[in-house]
Amino acid sequence: IETARALQMGDNHFKIQLMREGQPLEGVQVEARAFKPHHGPQMPARDFRADATEEGGGLYRATLPLDHKCGTWRFGLSIQKDGERLGAFRASMPFL
């Protein structure tokens, strides 16, 4: 998973390349998620989700809006095909 630039306020575009046993993983449903935990009354938790769009060759794209710039965001992917969960991915990225 990668972004075109550093995280920013507003829409952030993610490129997701999925491979399985060295081959592009196509025809799956990918849900992208950005989550920021609660940090006191002035900073409630944030949770954004978006379905990724398949572009072919195992490449998917998703856009997630980020509305708070301080701290670390947690990102995740959920990958399914025909209702069966194939896998998940999680990572954290600081908002610089």
C-alpha atoms as a PDB file:
ATOM      1  CA  ILE A   1       0.000   0.000   0.000  1.00  0.00           C
ATOM      2  CA  GLU A   2       1.396   3.411  -0.854  1.00  0.00           C
ATOM      3  CA  THR A   3       0.351   7.010  -1.178  1.00  0.00           C
ATOM      4  CA  ALA A   4       1.352   9.517  -3.842  1.00  0.00           C
ATOM      5  CA  ARG A   5       2.608  11.897  -1.138  1.00  0.00           C
ATOM      6  CA  ALA A   6       2.724  12.358   2.615  1.00  0.00           C
ATOM      7  CA  LEU A   7      -0.609  12.180   4.438  1.00  0.00           C
ATOM      8  CA  GLN A   8      -2.593  15.411   4.247  1.00  0.00           C
ATOM      9  CA  MET A   9      -5.869  16.881   5.427  1.00  0.00           C
ATOM     10  CA  GLY A  10      -8.691  15.940   3.073  1.00  0.00           C
ATOM     11  CA  ASP A  11      -8.692  13.145   0.516  1.00  0.00           C
ATOM     12  CA  ASN A  12      -5.712  10.790   0.499  1.00  0.00           C
ATOM     13  CA  HIS A  13      -5.321   8.413  -2.441  1.00  0.00           C
ATOM     14  CA  PHE A  14      -3.872   4.958  -1.826  1.00  0.00           C
ATOM     15  CA  LYS A  15      -2.498   2.490  -4.351  1.00  0.00           C
ATOM     16  CA  ILE A  16      -2.805  -1.120  -3.216  1.00  0.00           C
ATOM     17  CA  GLN A  17      -0.948  -3.904  -5.019  1.00  0.00           C
ATOM     18  CA  LEU A  18      -2.157  -7.397  -4.100  1.00  0.00           C
ATOM     19  CA  MET A  19      -0.179 -10.526  -4.933  1.00  0.00           C
ATOM     20  CA  ARG A  20      -0.702 -14.172  -4.005  1.00  0.00           C
ATOM     21  CA  GLU A  21       2.054 -16.714  -4.589  1.00  0.00           C
ATOM     22  CA  GLY A  22       3.780 -14.259  -6.927  1.00  0.00           C
ATOM     23  CA  GLN A  23       0.677 -13.661  -9.060  1.00  0.00           C
ATOM     24  CA  PRO A  24      -1.632 -10.602  -9.131  1.00  0.00           C
ATOM     25  CA  LEU A  25      -4.720 -11.100  -6.964  1.00  0.00           C
ATOM     26  CA  GLU A  26      -7.699 -10.061  -9.068  1.00  0.00           C
ATOM     27  CA  GLY A  27     -11.462 -10.132  -8.684  1.00  0.00           C
ATOM     28  CA  VAL A  28     -11.548  -9.544  -4.942  1.00  0.00           C
ATOM     29  CA  GLN A  29     -13.322  -6.997  -2.777  1.00  0.00           C
ATOM     30  CA  VAL A  30     -10.971  -4.723  -0.834  1.00  0.00           C
ATOM     31  CA  GLU A  31     -12.124  -2.462   1.986  1.00  0.00           C
ATOM     32  CA  ALA A  32      -9.633   0.183   3.110  1.00  0.00           C
ATOM     33  CA  ARG A  33      -9.873   1.725   6.578  1.00  0.00           C
ATOM     34  CA  ALA A  34      -8.219   4.668   8.339  1.00  0.00           C
ATOM     35  CA  PHE A  35      -8.632   4.845  12.119  1.00  0.00           C
ATOM     36  CA  LYS A  36      -7.350   7.340  14.681  1.00  0.00           C
ATOM     37  CA  PRO A  37      -7.919   6.532  18.358  1.00  0.00           C
ATOM     38  CA  HIS A  38      -9.655   8.882  20.795  1.00  0.00           C
ATOM     39  CA  HIS A  39      -7.277  11.401  22.446  1.00  0.00           C
ATOM     40  CA  GLY A  40      -9.361  13.254  25.008  1.00  0.00           C
ATOM     41  CA  PRO A  41     -12.529  15.341  24.653  1.00  0.00           C
ATOM     42  CA  GLN A  42     -11.045  17.647  22.019  1.00  0.00           C
ATOM     43  CA  MET A  43      -9.981  14.773  19.751  1.00  0.00           C
ATOM     44  CA  PRO A  44     -12.624  12.058  19.356  1.00  0.00           C
ATOM     45  CA  ALA A  45     -11.827   8.850  17.506  1.00  0.00           C
ATOM     46  CA  ARG A  46     -11.978   8.931  13.711  1.00  0.00           C
ATOM     47  CA  ASP A  47     -12.905   5.957  11.524  1.00  0.00           C
ATOM     48  CA  PHE A  48     -13.144   6.140   7.725  1.00  0.00           C
ATOM     49  CA  ARG A  49     -13.821   3.250   5.334  1.00  0.00           C
ATOM     50  CA  ALA A  50     -13.902   2.954   1.552  1.00  0.00           C
ATOM     51  CA  ASP A  51     -14.251   0.165  -0.983  1.00  0.00           C
ATOM     52  CA  ALA A  52     -11.234   0.040  -3.287  1.00  0.00           C
ATOM     53  CA  THR A  53     -11.654   0.104  -7.051  1.00  0.00           C
ATOM     54  CA  GLU A  54      -9.953  -2.633  -9.061  1.00  0.00           C
ATOM     55  CA  GLU A  55      -7.764  -1.418 -11.935  1.00  0.00           C
ATOM     56  CA  GLY A  56      -6.404  -4.782 -13.145  1.00  0.00           C
ATOM     57  CA  GLY A  57      -3.195  -6.690 -12.620  1.00  0.00           C
ATOM     58  CA  GLY A  58      -3.818  -6.885  -8.856  1.00  0.00           C
ATOM     59  CA  LEU A  59      -3.836  -3.084  -8.524  1.00  0.00           C
ATOM     60  CA  TYR A  60      -6.578  -1.423  -6.473  1.00  0.00           C
ATOM     61  CA  ARG A  61      -7.113   2.212  -5.494  1.00  0.00           C
ATOM     62  CA  ALA A  62      -8.942   3.735  -2.548  1.00  0.00           C
ATOM     63  CA  THR A  63      -9.522   7.272  -1.317  1.00  0.00           C
ATOM     64  CA  LEU A  64      -9.825   7.995   2.399  1.00  0.00           C
ATOM     65  CA  PRO A  65     -10.500  11.448   3.862  1.00  0.00           C
ATOM     66  CA  LEU A  66      -8.423  12.406   6.875  1.00  0.00           C
ATOM     67  CA  ASP A  67      -9.781  15.250   8.950  1.00  0.00           C
ATOM     68  CA  HIS A  68      -7.253  15.472  11.751  1.00  0.00           C
ATOM     69  CA  LYS A  69      -3.549  15.937  11.262  1.00  0.00           C
ATOM     70  CA  CYS A  70      -1.908  15.269  14.629  1.00  0.00           C
ATOM     71  CA  GLY A  71      -0.638  11.861  15.651  1.00  0.00           C
ATOM     72  CA  THR A  72      -0.610   8.436  14.085  1.00  0.00           C
ATOM     73  CA  TRP A  73      -3.309   6.961  11.883  1.00  0.00           C
ATOM     74  CA  ARG A  74      -3.877   3.213  11.692  1.00  0.00           C
ATOM     75  CA  PHE A  75      -4.642   1.772   8.285  1.00  0.00           C
ATOM     76  CA  GLY A  76      -6.108  -1.574   7.398  1.00  0.00           C
ATOM     77  CA  LEU A  77      -7.256  -3.631   4.451  1.00  0.00           C
ATOM     78  CA  SER A  78      -9.825  -6.396   4.445  1.00  0.00           C
ATOM     79  CA  ILE A  79      -9.740  -8.681   1.411  1.00  0.00           C
ATOM     80  CA  GLN A  80     -12.666 -10.938   0.464  1.00  0.00           C
ATOM     81  CA  LYS A  81     -13.866 -12.975  -2.481  1.00  0.00           C
ATOM     82  CA  ASP A  82     -17.428 -14.271  -2.749  1.00  0.00           C
ATOM     83  CA  GLY A  83     -17.980 -13.554   0.960  1.00  0.00           C
ATOM     84  CA  GLU A  84     -14.900 -15.514   2.072  1.00  0.00           C
ATOM     85  CA  ARG A  85     -12.199 -13.584   3.914  1.00  0.00           C
ATOM     86  CA  LEU A  86      -8.853 -14.052   2.182  1.00  0.00           C
ATOM     87  CA  GLY A  87      -6.735 -11.825   4.380  1.00  0.00           C
ATOM     88  CA  ALA A  88      -6.114  -8.569   6.141  1.00  0.00           C
ATOM     89  CA  PHE A  89      -3.310  -6.036   6.448  1.00  0.00           C
ATOM     90  CA  ARG A  90      -2.611  -3.407   9.104  1.00  0.00           C
ATOM     91  CA  ALA A  91      -0.075  -0.595   9.357  1.00  0.00           C
ATOM     92  CA  SER A  92       0.406   2.711  11.173  1.00  0.00           C
ATOM     93  CA  MET A  93       1.525   5.971   9.572  1.00  0.00           C
ATOM     94  CA  PRO A  94       2.380   9.231  11.296  1.00  0.00           C
ATOM     95  CA  PHE A  95       0.750  12.402  10.045  1.00  0.00           C
ATOM     96  CA  LEU A  96       3.682  14.759   9.508  1.00  0.00           C
END
